[in-house]
Amino acid sequence: MSHVYKLYFGSSLFDHKDLIGNALLASYLEKRSGGRYRCFLPQTLAQENATAVDIRNQDIKQIIECDLALFNFEGTELDAGTVVEFIFAKLLDIPSVIMRSDFRSSGEKELGGEDWNLMCSFYPRTRVVQFNAIEFHQQAVNETRSLEEAMDRLYSRITSLLIESLESVLELPPVFRGDKGQLQELYQWALRFPGGGLENLCSEASFVESTVAAKIEKKIYR
């Protein structure tokens, strides 16, 4: 039986374009993978009466629980929150895919880097999916007769690239080489070092144990 993987989707979520784009992509990922990837979007978490630290802790808890992560690296300056989420995922050796559809070139490419700050590059168990969003969009529009058909073609094309990279990154060997007990210690540390009450949010005695066990079963760590 094939595993169902929890996929954290880190991205900007500050305007209607971000929100609908994230939701559409998550929907297509789940549908076109046959439910193999179950997406967790921070924008869907309850925020009514929540403080800033509550929102941050909810997001970090989702990263800790997820098996893989997808990060949207757009813009001439990357979204700061998405960068922090990416580094947190790398701390836990979570397989990750970076997506960039922004055609603007920036970063330190002349030094062998990518189209973003070099401090966000060169991490293990990471794949990059990069394409020109305008080019993809225009091709989809020119090949179809309606906006609905164009969007279906566009998101199906993007999703195919992402699923291919998600499958690829799953096959990469883990960086973490310790035993189950050491892995649980790493996760305990991940709950403690951010402060702000995160450890209390995940205070159930079985939280770390069950989270680690589920990931070992899915061979995220092996």
N, C-alpha and C. Protein backbone atom coordinates (compact mmCIF):
# COMPACT_ATOMS: atom_id res chain seq x y z
N MET A 1 0.85 -1.20 0.00
CA MET A 1 0.00 0.00 0.00
C MET A 1 0.88 1.25 0.00
N SER A 2 0.59 2.19 -0.89
CA SER A 2 1.38 3.41 -0.99
C SER A 2 1.08 4.33 0.18
N HIS A 3 2.12 5.01 0.66
CA HIS A 3 1.95 5.93 1.77
C HIS A 3 1.29 7.22 1.31
N VAL A 4 0.61 7.86 2.24
CA VAL A 4 0.09 9.21 2.04
C VAL A 4 1.03 10.14 2.80
N TYR A 5 1.57 11.12 2.08
CA TYR A 5 2.55 12.01 2.67
C TYR A 5 1.94 13.36 3.01
N LYS A 6 2.24 13.83 4.21
CA LYS A 6 1.82 15.18 4.61
C LYS A 6 2.81 16.18 4.02
N LEU A 7 2.30 17.12 3.26
CA LEU A 7 3.14 18.09 2.55
C LEU A 7 2.86 19.50 3.05
N TYR A 8 3.85 20.12 3.65
CA TYR A 8 3.71 21.50 4.10
C TYR A 8 3.97 22.43 2.93
N PHE A 9 3.11 23.43 2.75
CA PHE A 9 3.23 24.36 1.63
C PHE A 9 3.52 25.75 2.18
N GLY A 10 4.80 26.15 2.13
CA GLY A 10 5.21 27.46 2.62
C GLY A 10 5.24 28.48 1.49
N SER A 11 4.51 29.59 1.68
CA SER A 11 4.41 30.59 0.62
C SER A 11 3.88 31.89 1.20
N SER A 12 4.02 32.97 0.43
CA SER A 12 3.37 34.22 0.81
C SER A 12 1.86 34.01 0.84
N LEU A 13 1.17 34.73 1.73
CA LEU A 13 -0.29 34.58 1.80
C LEU A 13 -0.94 35.89 2.21
N PHE A 14 -0.47 36.98 1.58
CA PHE A 14 -0.89 38.30 2.03
C PHE A 14 -1.88 39.00 1.11
N ASP A 15 -2.20 38.42 -0.03
CA ASP A 15 -3.21 39.04 -0.90
C ASP A 15 -4.00 37.94 -1.61
N HIS A 16 -5.02 38.35 -2.33
CA HIS A 16 -5.92 37.36 -2.95
C HIS A 16 -5.19 36.51 -3.98
N LYS A 17 -4.18 37.07 -4.65
CA LYS A 17 -3.44 36.29 -5.65
C LYS A 17 -2.64 35.18 -4.99
N ASP A 18 -1.99 35.51 -3.87
CA ASP A 18 -1.27 34.48 -3.12
C ASP A 18 -2.21 33.38 -2.65
N LEU A 19 -3.30 33.80 -2.05
CA LEU A 19 -4.21 32.85 -1.42
C LEU A 19 -4.85 31.90 -2.43
N ILE A 20 -5.35 32.44 -3.53
CA ILE A 20 -6.01 31.57 -4.51
C ILE A 20 -4.99 30.72 -5.25
N GLY A 21 -3.81 31.28 -5.50
CA GLY A 21 -2.76 30.50 -6.17
C GLY A 21 -2.31 29.33 -5.32
N ASN A 22 -2.11 29.58 -4.03
CA ASN A 22 -1.72 28.50 -3.12
C ASN A 22 -2.79 27.42 -3.07
N ALA A 23 -4.04 27.85 -2.93
CA ALA A 23 -5.15 26.89 -2.81
C ALA A 23 -5.31 26.05 -4.08
N LEU A 24 -5.20 26.69 -5.24
CA LEU A 24 -5.32 25.97 -6.50
C LEU A 24 -4.21 24.93 -6.65
N LEU A 25 -2.99 25.35 -6.36
CA LEU A 25 -1.86 24.44 -6.52
C LEU A 25 -1.97 23.26 -5.57
N ALA A 26 -2.37 23.53 -4.33
CA ALA A 26 -2.54 22.44 -3.36
C ALA A 26 -3.62 21.46 -3.83
N SER A 27 -4.71 22.01 -4.36
CA SER A 27 -5.80 21.16 -4.84
C SER A 27 -5.33 20.27 -5.99
N TYR A 28 -4.59 20.84 -6.92
CA TYR A 28 -4.09 20.06 -8.06
C TYR A 28 -3.07 19.03 -7.62
N LEU A 29 -2.24 19.37 -6.66
CA LEU A 29 -1.25 18.40 -6.17
C LEU A 29 -1.93 17.18 -5.57
N GLU A 30 -2.96 17.41 -4.78
CA GLU A 30 -3.67 16.29 -4.17
C GLU A 30 -4.40 15.46 -5.23
N LYS A 31 -5.06 16.15 -6.15
CA LYS A 31 -5.86 15.44 -7.16
C LYS A 31 -4.98 14.66 -8.13
N ARG A 32 -3.94 15.30 -8.65
CA ARG A 32 -3.13 14.66 -9.69
C ARG A 32 -2.17 13.62 -9.12
N SER A 33 -1.93 13.65 -7.81
CA SER A 33 -1.11 12.61 -7.18
C SER A 33 -1.96 11.46 -6.68
N GLY A 34 -3.27 11.52 -6.94
CA GLY A 34 -4.17 10.48 -6.46
C GLY A 34 -4.26 10.45 -4.94
N GLY A 35 -4.08 11.61 -4.31
CA GLY A 35 -4.15 11.69 -2.85
C GLY A 35 -2.86 11.30 -2.15
N ARG A 36 -1.80 11.04 -2.91
CA ARG A 36 -0.52 10.65 -2.31
C ARG A 36 0.06 11.79 -1.49
N TYR A 37 -0.17 13.03 -1.94
CA TYR A 37 0.33 14.20 -1.21
C TYR A 37 -0.86 14.98 -0.65
N ARG A 38 -0.88 15.08 0.66
CA ARG A 38 -1.94 15.82 1.34
C ARG A 38 -1.36 17.14 1.83
N CYS A 39 -1.80 18.23 1.23
CA CYS A 39 -1.19 19.54 1.48
C CYS A 39 -1.73 20.22 2.73
N PHE A 40 -0.81 20.86 3.45
CA PHE A 40 -1.17 21.67 4.61
C PHE A 40 -0.79 23.11 4.32
N LEU A 41 -1.78 23.96 4.20
CA LEU A 41 -1.58 25.38 3.90
C LEU A 41 -1.73 26.20 5.17
N PRO A 42 -0.74 27.00 5.53
CA PRO A 42 -0.87 27.85 6.72
C PRO A 42 -2.08 28.76 6.66
N GLN A 43 -2.48 29.15 5.46
CA GLN A 43 -3.62 30.08 5.33
C GLN A 43 -4.94 29.45 5.76
N THR A 44 -4.98 28.13 5.91
CA THR A 44 -6.22 27.47 6.32
C THR A 44 -6.33 27.32 7.83
N LEU A 45 -5.26 27.62 8.56
CA LEU A 45 -5.29 27.49 10.02
C LEU A 45 -6.09 28.62 10.64
N ALA A 46 -6.86 28.31 11.67
CA ALA A 46 -7.69 29.31 12.35
C ALA A 46 -6.83 30.41 12.95
N GLN A 47 -7.20 31.67 12.66
CA GLN A 47 -6.43 32.80 13.17
C GLN A 47 -7.30 33.79 13.96
N GLU A 48 -8.58 33.48 14.10
CA GLU A 48 -9.46 34.39 14.83
C GLU A 48 -9.02 34.49 16.28
N ASN A 49 -8.80 35.70 16.73
CA ASN A 49 -8.36 36.00 18.10
C ASN A 49 -6.97 35.46 18.42
N ALA A 50 -6.23 35.00 17.40
CA ALA A 50 -4.89 34.47 17.63
C ALA A 50 -3.87 35.60 17.66
N THR A 51 -2.87 35.47 18.52
CA THR A 51 -1.78 36.43 18.57
C THR A 51 -0.73 36.06 17.53
N ALA A 52 0.23 36.95 17.33
CA ALA A 52 1.30 36.67 16.37
C ALA A 52 2.07 35.40 16.73
N VAL A 53 2.36 35.23 18.01
CA VAL A 53 3.12 34.04 18.42
C VAL A 53 2.27 32.77 18.26
N ASP A 54 0.96 32.89 18.45
CA ASP A 54 0.08 31.74 18.23
C ASP A 54 0.14 31.29 16.77
N ILE A 55 0.07 32.25 15.86
CA ILE A 55 0.11 31.94 14.43
C ILE A 55 1.45 31.31 14.06
N ARG A 56 2.53 31.90 14.57
CA ARG A 56 3.85 31.34 14.30
C ARG A 56 3.96 29.90 14.79
N ASN A 57 3.50 29.67 16.02
CA ASN A 57 3.60 28.33 16.60
C ASN A 57 2.77 27.30 15.84
N GLN A 58 1.58 27.70 15.39
CA GLN A 58 0.75 26.79 14.59
C GLN A 58 1.48 26.36 13.32
N ASP A 59 2.12 27.33 12.67
CA ASP A 59 2.83 27.03 11.43
C ASP A 59 4.02 26.09 11.68
N ILE A 60 4.78 26.37 12.72
CA ILE A 60 5.95 25.54 13.02
C ILE A 60 5.51 24.12 13.38
N LYS A 61 4.42 24.00 14.14
CA LYS A 61 3.91 22.67 14.49
C LYS A 61 3.57 21.88 13.24
N GLN A 62 2.99 22.55 12.24
CA GLN A 62 2.65 21.87 11.00
C GLN A 62 3.91 21.40 10.26
N ILE A 63 4.95 22.22 10.27
CA ILE A 63 6.21 21.81 9.64
C ILE A 63 6.76 20.56 10.32
N ILE A 64 6.76 20.56 11.64
CA ILE A 64 7.29 19.43 12.41
C ILE A 64 6.54 18.15 12.06
N GLU A 65 5.23 18.25 11.90
CA GLU A 65 4.41 17.06 11.66
C GLU A 65 4.47 16.57 10.22
N CYS A 66 4.86 17.43 9.28
CA CYS A 66 4.82 17.05 7.88
C CYS A 66 6.00 16.18 7.47
N ASP A 67 5.78 15.38 6.42
CA ASP A 67 6.79 14.47 5.90
C ASP A 67 7.69 15.15 4.87
N LEU A 68 7.11 16.02 4.08
CA LEU A 68 7.83 16.77 3.06
C LEU A 68 7.37 18.22 3.10
N ALA A 69 8.09 19.07 2.35
CA ALA A 69 7.70 20.47 2.32
C ALA A 69 7.92 21.05 0.93
N LEU A 70 7.05 21.97 0.56
CA LEU A 70 7.15 22.71 -0.69
C LEU A 70 7.21 24.20 -0.34
N PHE A 71 8.22 24.88 -0.88
CA PHE A 71 8.40 26.30 -0.56
C PHE A 71 8.40 27.13 -1.84
N ASN A 72 7.60 28.19 -1.82
CA ASN A 72 7.46 29.07 -2.96
C ASN A 72 8.43 30.24 -2.81
N PHE A 73 9.51 30.22 -3.59
CA PHE A 73 10.54 31.26 -3.52
C PHE A 73 10.31 32.25 -4.67
N GLU A 74 9.47 33.24 -4.45
CA GLU A 74 9.16 34.22 -5.49
C GLU A 74 9.68 35.61 -5.10
N GLY A 75 9.76 36.49 -6.11
CA GLY A 75 10.12 37.87 -5.86
C GLY A 75 11.61 38.14 -5.91
N THR A 76 11.96 39.43 -6.02
CA THR A 76 13.36 39.81 -5.99
C THR A 76 13.93 39.67 -4.58
N GLU A 77 13.07 39.76 -3.59
CA GLU A 77 13.42 39.46 -2.20
C GLU A 77 12.45 38.40 -1.69
N LEU A 78 12.97 37.30 -1.21
CA LEU A 78 12.11 36.21 -0.76
C LEU A 78 11.30 36.61 0.46
N ASP A 79 10.12 36.03 0.57
CA ASP A 79 9.28 36.25 1.75
C ASP A 79 10.00 35.73 2.99
N ALA A 80 10.18 36.58 4.00
CA ALA A 80 10.98 36.24 5.18
C ALA A 80 10.42 35.04 5.92
N GLY A 81 9.10 34.99 6.05
CA GLY A 81 8.49 33.87 6.77
C GLY A 81 8.74 32.55 6.08
N THR A 82 8.65 32.54 4.75
CA THR A 82 8.90 31.31 3.98
C THR A 82 10.34 30.86 4.14
N VAL A 83 11.27 31.81 4.20
CA VAL A 83 12.69 31.47 4.39
C VAL A 83 12.90 30.80 5.75
N VAL A 84 12.29 31.36 6.79
CA VAL A 84 12.42 30.78 8.13
C VAL A 84 11.84 29.37 8.14
N GLU A 85 10.70 29.19 7.51
CA GLU A 85 10.07 27.86 7.44
C GLU A 85 10.98 26.86 6.72
N PHE A 86 11.60 27.31 5.64
CA PHE A 86 12.51 26.45 4.89
C PHE A 86 13.68 26.00 5.76
N ILE A 87 14.30 26.94 6.46
CA ILE A 87 15.45 26.60 7.30
C ILE A 87 15.03 25.68 8.44
N PHE A 88 13.83 25.88 8.98
CA PHE A 88 13.35 25.00 10.04
C PHE A 88 13.18 23.58 9.51
N ALA A 89 12.65 23.46 8.30
CA ALA A 89 12.49 22.13 7.69
C ALA A 89 13.84 21.47 7.48
N LYS A 90 14.83 22.25 7.07
CA LYS A 90 16.17 21.69 6.86
C LYS A 90 16.82 21.27 8.18
N LEU A 91 16.51 21.98 9.27
CA LEU A 91 17.00 21.59 10.59
C LEU A 91 16.57 20.17 10.93
N LEU A 92 15.36 19.81 10.51
CA LEU A 92 14.81 18.48 10.78
C LEU A 92 15.04 17.51 9.63
N ASP A 93 15.85 17.90 8.66
CA ASP A 93 16.17 17.02 7.54
C ASP A 93 14.92 16.56 6.81
N ILE A 94 13.97 17.48 6.64
CA ILE A 94 12.73 17.18 5.93
C ILE A 94 12.95 17.37 4.43
N PRO A 95 12.68 16.36 3.61
CA PRO A 95 12.83 16.51 2.17
C PRO A 95 11.99 17.68 1.66
N SER A 96 12.59 18.52 0.82
CA SER A 96 11.93 19.76 0.42
C SER A 96 12.09 20.05 -1.06
N VAL A 97 11.07 20.69 -1.62
CA VAL A 97 11.12 21.17 -3.00
C VAL A 97 10.90 22.68 -2.99
N ILE A 98 11.76 23.39 -3.70
CA ILE A 98 11.62 24.83 -3.86
C ILE A 98 11.03 25.10 -5.23
N MET A 99 9.99 25.93 -5.29
CA MET A 99 9.40 26.30 -6.57
C MET A 99 9.59 27.80 -6.80
N ARG A 100 10.00 28.16 -8.02
CA ARG A 100 10.09 29.57 -8.39
C ARG A 100 9.54 29.73 -9.80
N SER A 101 8.51 30.57 -9.94
CA SER A 101 7.92 30.84 -11.24
C SER A 101 8.20 32.27 -11.70
N ASP A 102 8.85 33.04 -10.89
CA ASP A 102 9.19 34.44 -11.18
C ASP A 102 10.32 34.47 -12.22
N PHE A 103 10.08 35.16 -13.33
CA PHE A 103 11.08 35.19 -14.40
C PHE A 103 12.23 36.15 -14.12
N ARG A 104 12.09 37.00 -13.09
CA ARG A 104 13.14 37.97 -12.80
C ARG A 104 14.37 37.29 -12.23
N SER A 105 15.53 37.67 -12.74
CA SER A 105 16.78 37.09 -12.29
C SER A 105 17.40 37.96 -11.20
N SER A 106 17.81 37.34 -10.12
CA SER A 106 18.45 38.06 -9.02
C SER A 106 19.38 37.08 -8.31
N GLY A 107 19.78 37.40 -7.12
CA GLY A 107 20.63 36.48 -6.36
C GLY A 107 22.09 36.56 -6.79
N GLU A 108 22.80 35.46 -6.59
CA GLU A 108 24.24 35.43 -6.86
C GLU A 108 24.57 34.36 -7.89
N LYS A 109 23.90 34.39 -9.04
CA LYS A 109 24.09 33.38 -10.05
C LYS A 109 25.50 33.40 -10.63
N GLU A 110 26.10 34.59 -10.64
CA GLU A 110 27.46 34.67 -11.18
C GLU A 110 28.47 33.95 -10.30
N LEU A 111 28.07 33.65 -9.07
CA LEU A 111 28.94 32.91 -8.14
C LEU A 111 28.56 31.43 -8.08
N GLY A 112 27.66 31.02 -8.94
CA GLY A 112 27.20 29.63 -8.92
C GLY A 112 25.98 29.42 -8.05
N GLY A 113 25.32 30.53 -7.68
CA GLY A 113 24.13 30.43 -6.85
C GLY A 113 22.87 30.35 -7.70
N GLU A 114 21.75 30.70 -7.08
CA GLU A 114 20.45 30.64 -7.76
C GLU A 114 19.79 32.01 -7.71
N ASP A 115 18.54 32.09 -8.13
CA ASP A 115 17.87 33.38 -8.21
C ASP A 115 17.32 33.87 -6.88
N TRP A 116 18.09 33.69 -5.85
CA TRP A 116 17.76 34.21 -4.52
C TRP A 116 19.04 34.27 -3.70
N ASN A 117 18.94 34.80 -2.52
CA ASN A 117 20.11 34.94 -1.65
C ASN A 117 20.80 33.61 -1.45
N LEU A 118 22.13 33.62 -1.60
CA LEU A 118 22.89 32.35 -1.54
C LEU A 118 22.78 31.62 -0.20
N MET A 119 22.38 32.32 0.86
CA MET A 119 22.22 31.66 2.15
C MET A 119 21.05 30.68 2.15
N CYS A 120 20.20 30.75 1.13
CA CYS A 120 19.05 29.84 1.03
C CYS A 120 19.31 28.72 0.03
N SER A 121 20.56 28.54 -0.38
CA SER A 121 20.90 27.54 -1.38
C SER A 121 21.84 26.48 -0.81
N PHE A 122 21.98 25.39 -1.57
CA PHE A 122 22.97 24.34 -1.32
C PHE A 122 22.63 23.40 -0.17
N TYR A 123 21.38 23.33 0.23
CA TYR A 123 20.99 22.43 1.31
C TYR A 123 20.67 21.03 0.77
N PRO A 124 21.02 19.99 1.53
CA PRO A 124 20.75 18.63 1.06
C PRO A 124 19.26 18.28 1.10
N ARG A 125 18.93 17.20 0.42
CA ARG A 125 17.55 16.70 0.34
C ARG A 125 16.61 17.80 -0.13
N THR A 126 17.05 18.52 -1.17
CA THR A 126 16.28 19.64 -1.69
C THR A 126 16.33 19.63 -3.22
N ARG A 127 15.19 19.83 -3.84
CA ARG A 127 15.10 19.94 -5.28
C ARG A 127 14.50 21.30 -5.63
N VAL A 128 14.88 21.83 -6.80
CA VAL A 128 14.37 23.12 -7.26
C VAL A 128 13.58 22.92 -8.54
N VAL A 129 12.37 23.47 -8.58
CA VAL A 129 11.54 23.51 -9.79
C VAL A 129 11.40 24.98 -10.17
N GLN A 130 11.99 25.35 -11.30
CA GLN A 130 11.98 26.74 -11.73
C GLN A 130 11.46 26.85 -13.15
N PHE A 131 10.55 27.79 -13.38
CA PHE A 131 9.98 27.99 -14.71
C PHE A 131 9.50 29.43 -14.83
N ASN A 132 9.22 29.84 -16.05
CA ASN A 132 8.76 31.19 -16.34
C ASN A 132 7.23 31.20 -16.33
N ALA A 133 6.65 31.83 -15.33
CA ALA A 133 5.19 31.81 -15.16
C ALA A 133 4.47 32.46 -16.33
N ILE A 134 5.01 33.56 -16.84
CA ILE A 134 4.35 34.24 -17.95
C ILE A 134 4.36 33.36 -19.20
N GLU A 135 5.48 32.73 -19.44
CA GLU A 135 5.58 31.84 -20.60
C GLU A 135 4.60 30.69 -20.49
N PHE A 136 4.55 30.04 -19.33
CA PHE A 136 3.61 28.94 -19.11
C PHE A 136 2.17 29.42 -19.28
N HIS A 137 1.87 30.59 -18.72
CA HIS A 137 0.51 31.14 -18.78
C HIS A 137 0.11 31.43 -20.21
N GLN A 138 0.96 32.09 -20.97
CA GLN A 138 0.64 32.44 -22.35
C GLN A 138 0.46 31.20 -23.22
N GLN A 139 1.28 30.21 -23.02
CA GLN A 139 1.13 28.97 -23.78
C GLN A 139 -0.20 28.31 -23.48
N ALA A 140 -0.58 28.28 -22.21
CA ALA A 140 -1.85 27.66 -21.83
C ALA A 140 -3.03 28.41 -22.42
N VAL A 141 -2.98 29.75 -22.41
CA VAL A 141 -4.06 30.57 -22.96
C VAL A 141 -4.17 30.38 -24.47
N ASN A 142 -3.05 30.33 -25.14
CA ASN A 142 -3.05 30.21 -26.61
C ASN A 142 -3.50 28.83 -27.08
N GLU A 143 -3.40 27.84 -26.21
CA GLU A 143 -3.73 26.47 -26.60
C GLU A 143 -5.16 26.07 -26.26
N THR A 144 -5.89 26.97 -25.61
CA THR A 144 -7.25 26.63 -25.16
C THR A 144 -8.23 27.72 -25.55
N ARG A 145 -9.52 27.46 -25.31
CA ARG A 145 -10.56 28.39 -25.72
C ARG A 145 -11.19 29.16 -24.57
N SER A 146 -10.88 28.79 -23.35
CA SER A 146 -11.48 29.47 -22.21
C SER A 146 -10.47 29.62 -21.09
N LEU A 147 -10.74 30.55 -20.19
CA LEU A 147 -9.85 30.77 -19.05
C LEU A 147 -9.80 29.52 -18.18
N GLU A 148 -10.95 28.87 -17.99
CA GLU A 148 -11.01 27.67 -17.15
C GLU A 148 -10.11 26.57 -17.71
N GLU A 149 -10.17 26.37 -19.02
CA GLU A 149 -9.33 25.35 -19.65
C GLU A 149 -7.86 25.73 -19.56
N ALA A 150 -7.57 27.02 -19.71
CA ALA A 150 -6.19 27.48 -19.63
C ALA A 150 -5.61 27.26 -18.24
N MET A 151 -6.41 27.57 -17.22
CA MET A 151 -5.92 27.39 -15.86
C MET A 151 -5.72 25.92 -15.53
N ASP A 152 -6.61 25.07 -16.05
CA ASP A 152 -6.45 23.64 -15.83
C ASP A 152 -5.17 23.14 -16.49
N ARG A 153 -4.91 23.59 -17.70
CA ARG A 153 -3.69 23.19 -18.39
C ARG A 153 -2.45 23.72 -17.66
N LEU A 154 -2.53 24.97 -17.23
CA LEU A 154 -1.39 25.59 -16.53
C LEU A 154 -1.06 24.86 -15.24
N TYR A 155 -2.08 24.66 -14.38
CA TYR A 155 -1.81 24.05 -13.08
C TYR A 155 -1.50 22.56 -13.20
N SER A 156 -2.03 21.92 -14.22
CA SER A 156 -1.68 20.51 -14.44
C SER A 156 -0.21 20.39 -14.83
N ARG A 157 0.26 21.32 -15.65
CA ARG A 157 1.66 21.32 -16.08
C ARG A 157 2.60 21.57 -14.90
N ILE A 158 2.26 22.58 -14.10
CA ILE A 158 3.09 22.90 -12.93
C ILE A 158 3.11 21.73 -11.96
N THR A 159 1.94 21.17 -11.73
CA THR A 159 1.83 20.07 -10.77
C THR A 159 2.65 18.86 -11.20
N SER A 160 2.66 18.57 -12.48
CA SER A 160 3.45 17.44 -12.98
C SER A 160 4.93 17.62 -12.66
N LEU A 161 5.43 18.85 -12.82
CA LEU A 161 6.83 19.14 -12.49
C LEU A 161 7.08 18.96 -11.00
N LEU A 162 6.15 19.43 -10.18
CA LEU A 162 6.33 19.34 -8.73
C LEU A 162 6.28 17.90 -8.24
N ILE A 163 5.33 17.12 -8.75
CA ILE A 163 5.22 15.72 -8.33
C ILE A 163 6.48 14.95 -8.71
N GLU A 164 7.01 15.22 -9.88
CA GLU A 164 8.24 14.57 -10.31
C GLU A 164 9.38 14.87 -9.33
N SER A 165 9.48 16.13 -8.89
CA SER A 165 10.54 16.51 -7.95
C SER A 165 10.27 15.98 -6.55
N LEU A 166 9.02 15.94 -6.13
CA LEU A 166 8.69 15.37 -4.83
C LEU A 166 9.06 13.89 -4.78
N GLU A 167 8.76 13.18 -5.84
CA GLU A 167 9.13 11.77 -5.89
C GLU A 167 10.65 11.61 -5.87
N SER A 168 11.33 12.50 -6.56
CA SER A 168 12.79 12.44 -6.61
C SER A 168 13.42 12.72 -5.26
N VAL A 169 12.91 13.74 -4.57
CA VAL A 169 13.52 14.12 -3.29
C VAL A 169 13.25 13.07 -2.22
N LEU A 170 12.16 12.32 -2.37
CA LEU A 170 11.88 11.23 -1.44
C LEU A 170 12.93 10.13 -1.51
N GLU A 171 13.56 9.99 -2.66
CA GLU A 171 14.56 8.94 -2.86
C GLU A 171 15.94 9.33 -2.35
N LEU A 172 16.14 10.60 -2.05
CA LEU A 172 17.44 11.04 -1.57
C LEU A 172 17.69 10.51 -0.16
N PRO A 173 18.89 10.04 0.13
CA PRO A 173 19.17 9.50 1.47
C PRO A 173 19.13 10.59 2.54
N PRO A 174 18.65 10.26 3.73
CA PRO A 174 18.60 11.26 4.80
C PRO A 174 19.99 11.67 5.26
N VAL A 175 20.09 12.89 5.72
CA VAL A 175 21.34 13.38 6.31
C VAL A 175 21.49 12.83 7.72
N PHE A 176 20.36 12.77 8.44
CA PHE A 176 20.39 12.29 9.83
C PHE A 176 20.75 10.81 9.86
N ARG A 177 21.73 10.45 10.67
CA ARG A 177 22.23 9.07 10.73
C ARG A 177 22.11 8.45 12.12
N GLY A 178 21.42 9.10 13.05
CA GLY A 178 21.31 8.58 14.40
C GLY A 178 20.21 7.55 14.53
N ASP A 179 20.05 7.03 15.75
CA ASP A 179 18.99 6.06 15.99
C ASP A 179 17.69 6.78 16.33
N LYS A 180 16.65 6.01 16.61
CA LYS A 180 15.33 6.58 16.88
C LYS A 180 15.37 7.50 18.09
N GLY A 181 16.11 7.10 19.13
CA GLY A 181 16.19 7.93 20.33
C GLY A 181 16.82 9.28 20.05
N GLN A 182 17.87 9.31 19.24
CA GLN A 182 18.53 10.57 18.90
C GLN A 182 17.63 11.44 18.02
N LEU A 183 16.86 10.79 17.17
CA LEU A 183 15.93 11.53 16.32
C LEU A 183 14.85 12.19 17.17
N GLN A 184 14.38 11.48 18.18
CA GLN A 184 13.39 12.06 19.08
C GLN A 184 13.98 13.24 19.85
N GLU A 185 15.25 13.16 20.21
CA GLU A 185 15.92 14.27 20.89
C GLU A 185 16.00 15.49 19.97
N LEU A 186 16.26 15.24 18.68
CA LEU A 186 16.30 16.34 17.72
C LEU A 186 14.95 17.03 17.65
N TYR A 187 13.88 16.25 17.64
CA TYR A 187 12.53 16.83 17.57
C TYR A 187 12.17 17.54 18.87
N GLN A 188 12.63 17.03 19.99
CA GLN A 188 12.40 17.72 21.26
C GLN A 188 13.10 19.08 21.24
N TRP A 189 14.29 19.12 20.69
CA TRP A 189 15.03 20.37 20.58
C TRP A 189 14.30 21.35 19.65
N ALA A 190 13.73 20.82 18.58
CA ALA A 190 12.99 21.66 17.64
C ALA A 190 11.77 22.31 18.29
N LEU A 191 11.24 21.66 19.32
CA LEU A 191 10.12 22.25 20.06
C LEU A 191 10.58 23.29 21.06
N ARG A 192 11.81 23.14 21.55
CA ARG A 192 12.28 24.03 22.62
C ARG A 192 12.96 25.30 22.12
N PHE A 193 13.79 25.18 21.10
CA PHE A 193 14.63 26.33 20.78
C PHE A 193 13.87 27.55 20.25
N PRO A 194 12.68 27.41 19.60
CA PRO A 194 11.99 28.62 19.16
C PRO A 194 11.36 29.42 20.30
N GLY A 195 11.16 28.79 21.48
CA GLY A 195 10.51 29.48 22.59
C GLY A 195 9.09 29.86 22.26
N GLY A 196 8.56 30.85 22.95
CA GLY A 196 7.24 31.37 22.64
C GLY A 196 6.08 30.43 22.91
N GLY A 197 6.30 29.39 23.69
CA GLY A 197 5.22 28.49 24.04
C GLY A 197 4.99 27.36 23.05
N LEU A 198 5.88 27.21 22.07
CA LEU A 198 5.70 26.13 21.10
C LEU A 198 5.70 24.77 21.79
N GLU A 199 6.58 24.59 22.75
CA GLU A 199 6.67 23.31 23.46
C GLU A 199 5.35 22.99 24.16
N ASN A 200 4.65 23.99 24.66
CA ASN A 200 3.37 23.77 25.33
C ASN A 200 2.28 23.38 24.33
N LEU A 201 2.36 23.92 23.11
CA LEU A 201 1.39 23.58 22.08
C LEU A 201 1.49 22.10 21.70
N CYS A 202 2.67 21.56 21.83
CA CYS A 202 2.92 20.15 21.47
C CYS A 202 3.29 19.36 22.72
N SER A 203 2.54 19.57 23.78
CA SER A 203 2.92 19.04 25.09
C SER A 203 2.49 17.60 25.33
N GLU A 204 1.68 17.04 24.40
CA GLU A 204 1.24 15.67 24.61
C GLU A 204 2.46 14.75 24.69
N ALA A 205 2.43 13.82 25.63
CA ALA A 205 3.58 12.95 25.86
C ALA A 205 3.97 12.17 24.62
N SER A 206 2.98 11.86 23.80
CA SER A 206 3.23 11.02 22.63
C SER A 206 3.52 11.81 21.36
N PHE A 207 3.50 13.13 21.42
CA PHE A 207 3.61 13.93 20.19
C PHE A 207 4.89 13.62 19.42
N VAL A 208 6.03 13.76 20.07
CA VAL A 208 7.30 13.53 19.39
C VAL A 208 7.43 12.07 18.99
N GLU A 209 7.10 11.17 19.91
CA GLU A 209 7.25 9.74 19.63
C GLU A 209 6.41 9.31 18.43
N SER A 210 5.15 9.75 18.38
CA SER A 210 4.27 9.35 17.29
C SER A 210 4.67 10.02 15.98
N THR A 211 5.12 11.26 16.05
CA THR A 211 5.55 11.97 14.85
C THR A 211 6.77 11.30 14.23
N VAL A 212 7.75 11.01 15.04
CA VAL A 212 8.97 10.35 14.56
C VAL A 212 8.67 8.95 14.04
N ALA A 213 7.84 8.19 14.76
CA ALA A 213 7.52 6.83 14.34
C ALA A 213 6.83 6.82 12.98
N ALA A 214 5.92 7.77 12.76
CA ALA A 214 5.20 7.83 11.49
C ALA A 214 6.15 8.13 10.34
N LYS A 215 7.14 8.97 10.60
CA LYS A 215 8.09 9.32 9.53
C LYS A 215 9.06 8.17 9.25
N ILE A 216 9.42 7.45 10.27
CA ILE A 216 10.28 6.28 10.06
C ILE A 216 9.53 5.22 9.24
N GLU A 217 8.25 5.04 9.55
CA GLU A 217 7.44 4.06 8.81
C GLU A 217 7.37 4.42 7.32
N LYS A 218 7.32 5.73 7.02
CA LYS A 218 7.26 6.18 5.64
C LYS A 218 8.65 6.32 5.01
N LYS A 219 9.68 5.95 5.78
CA LYS A 219 11.07 5.98 5.31
C LYS A 219 11.58 7.38 5.03
N ILE A 220 11.01 8.37 5.73
CA ILE A 220 11.58 9.72 5.67
C ILE A 220 12.96 9.69 6.33
N TYR A 221 13.05 8.91 7.39
CA TYR A 221 14.33 8.62 8.04
C TYR A 221 14.54 7.11 7.96
N ARG A 222 15.74 6.69 7.63
CA ARG A 222 15.99 5.25 7.49
C ARG A 222 17.48 4.95 7.65
